Amino acid sequence: MKIVVLDGYTINSGDLSWEAVESLGQTTVYDRTPNDRVIERIGDCDVILTSKCKITAEVMDACPNIKFIGVLATGYDNIDVKAASERNIAVCNVPAYSTEAVAQHTFALLLELCNNAGLHNKIVQEGQWSACTDFCMTAVPMFQLSGKTLGIVGYGSIGKRVGQIAEAIGMTVIPYSRDPEGAVKADVLTLHCPATPENTGFINKDFISRMKDGAYLINTARGVLINEQDLADAVKSGKLAGAAVDVVSKEPILKDNPLLGISNLIITPHMAWTSTEAREVICATSAENLKSFIAGEKLNRIV
């Protein structure tokens, strides 16, 4: 069996091992593959493992040996699943591998908005505390989360874990699916839903106008959920007290993205899922998915 990993670098930059996959067949690992070289690199391989490369019907037809596509992620919108099903090609993913990592990063972003630990470290390092006449100093007020409400859009494994953490620190949790208006009016709104044609850009000027004045918005889901210009305007105007996103509509972020350069709007580079532990699960589960396929079983099969 010939196996190709098309874009392995973000999953395993060298700190992990592909040994479990390599034990199942002749394996070639590429760090990155541009879309115009996907067909060439698959060639006569039986198995494709990929995170973001687009595997279209055209790719499948050009590489007729493909029997199995393993997605090195939970989302699989880069795979033409219908075309795979029509060609009897198995497709598997890695569900729920990033729950703990993304939930943790969600609160890292929220706490930075509320406590501004980075800013306060900066002023200490610059000598402002040394020059202060008081034993303590604050550059901006701290926003206490205990007693506040958290609205959660997308109440799957990640959303529920975020809710558990929020409740542990004294917040009231309102899932959007149960109480849309209550969630919208929360002190903090956090997004954990998949992107669909129906919800693309749903966080827009109209939606934000219904949010509580001075609320915070967190997005560790998908960048296309947000109309970025509308979010930028809301933070600049003070309608929202702040926002933090780990994802944007076009990645890597474009230099003219309207979210850049705004005070109290934090952007991290799609890193919420990247804990070592989460990536270890991806490698191990991908190998188990392939083992299951070889044995005629259907572990994490999409089609």
Foldseek 3Di string as FASTA:
>chain_A
DEEEEAACCLLCVPPDDLVLVVVVDHYDYDNHDPQVCLLVRCAQGQEYEYAQHACELVSCVSHVNHAEYEHLAADDPSYPVVSCVVSNHWYFYQPPLQQVLLLVVQVVLVQCLQPVPVVVVVCVVVPVCVVDPDVDDDPDHGDQLAPFEEEEEACDSNNVVNVVVSVVSHYHYDYCVVPVLVNQATQEYEYAHEDDPVQFQVAALVSLVSYHFQHEYEYLHEARNHPQQRVLVCCQVRSYVAYEYAYHHDPPDDPVRSQPPGPRYHYHPSCSRRDNSSSVSSSVVSSVQVVQVVVVHHVRIPD
